[in-house]
């Protein structure tokens, strides 16, 4: 025995006298064997119970030195397959690369097929005609310049209210009229002026919509600042800044206090800043990173040309070919055309997302040294529709939560009704930005947005994990682009098919 004990057969007797001539080591070994029952056996100098589990057996054998020949005689161990969830394996980078390669190859085939069938359709000169009908007539740009009048009106109202010339109720009424005019005035101009193009109208209405949201936030924050000021002091402080400094990393900036923020400089900084929510003191970056700025600018120039090229080369021919199935109400061909259009439309949407929310917004933030760069979160991991809408467009989500959703909850509105109201407002603005420039009202965008409410309930109620994420992606690929494609198709039918 390796431990110096005599190799004894199992002892099955109930008692063994210690005075039987056995030495102390043997007696101790017998007592240890008796304490573990009669079912014990000896193996390799160690005691192993037949009643123990396989895991206990492995533990008992761990300290024992295995013979050298057993290392190459044994080639198996208990383990799960890598693709089993119980294996804990999570490195699927190679499979992701394979998906990317397959995606590139499949789209390369479609692109080659498109080139063989239609030739090169990319025309930079045609892009200019989308914005201008007459090179000497720029109605969309003039409309954008006129929007400064509403900015000046808002600032003057706030200044008069800060000095006590206007009451809160009368100032609120003036703000309401001004905000309604911001949305109605450009819509009337677009619908009445024939020289404005749909693309130019979209750009102008987008600027007015952003201005509406910004000035609404500007009005609210200044109102809250007056309430805080009245709660703290009784006299109006006219200092332009607080007698202190605010440190932000390496940057040191003056802390602006109300009403020192009511200046044109502060107003126009907010209007050009990549945010919809106003603050008296925005977080600032310490310096402009030139290399970072040049990379983002290069992405902007490259991706905008890529989008225009894909639209001209891929989307336009597909839309033109889809007119006849829609006109004849051939449902199978309609579904085939919608599916054919959905994939390239979704790809262009993804490129637009990166171009706008990452490249363009970061260029603007870098130039203005704007510190908050959270323009989006991980919406691609969304397992619910609600999570997607909260994370794919952070500036809009912050505005809706701060100026629309939370104030409704404070007024006692039910949470579900407040969520419905947010989707309703979003549906209105989607319809506003599509129907007015196209000068036709089909409500596809409105219905598409309102359909997100029951879709969010269904996905959250019955799907989760990867299935929920797949449902979100499917709604993006099939659902939302379909509404846009329906508008484009109807526009072509009304404006081109009718002329023929």
Foldseek 3Di string as FASTA:
>chain_A
DVVPEDDDDQDDDPDDDPPPPDDPVNVVVNVVSVVVPRQWDDDPNDIDHPPDDPVVVCVRCVVPDDDPVVVVVDDDDDADDQPDPVRVHDPPVVVVVVVVVVVVVVVVVVLVVLCVVPNQQDDPVVVVCQFFVDPVDRVLVVLQVVCVVLLVQLLVLLVCVLVVVDDPVVSVVSLVVSLVCLQPVLLVVLLPDPGGHLVSSLVSNVLSVLVSLQSLLVVVVSVVLVVVCVVPDPDRDPDLFDPDWDDQPPDIHTHGHPPSCSDPVNSVLSSLAPASHDDSDFRFARAFDVVVLVVLVVLLVVLVSVLSSCCRSPVVVLLVVLLVCVVVVVPVSNVVSLLSNLVSVLVSVVSVLCNVLPSVNVNSCSVSRGDDNQQFDPLLQDLFLVSNVCGSGPRVNVSCVPPQQVVCVVVVDDNLVSVLVSLQVVLVSQQSSQCSSLVHHDSLSSVLSNVSSVRRVVSVPPHGDPRSSVSNVVCNRRRPVSSVSVSVSVSCCVPPVVVD
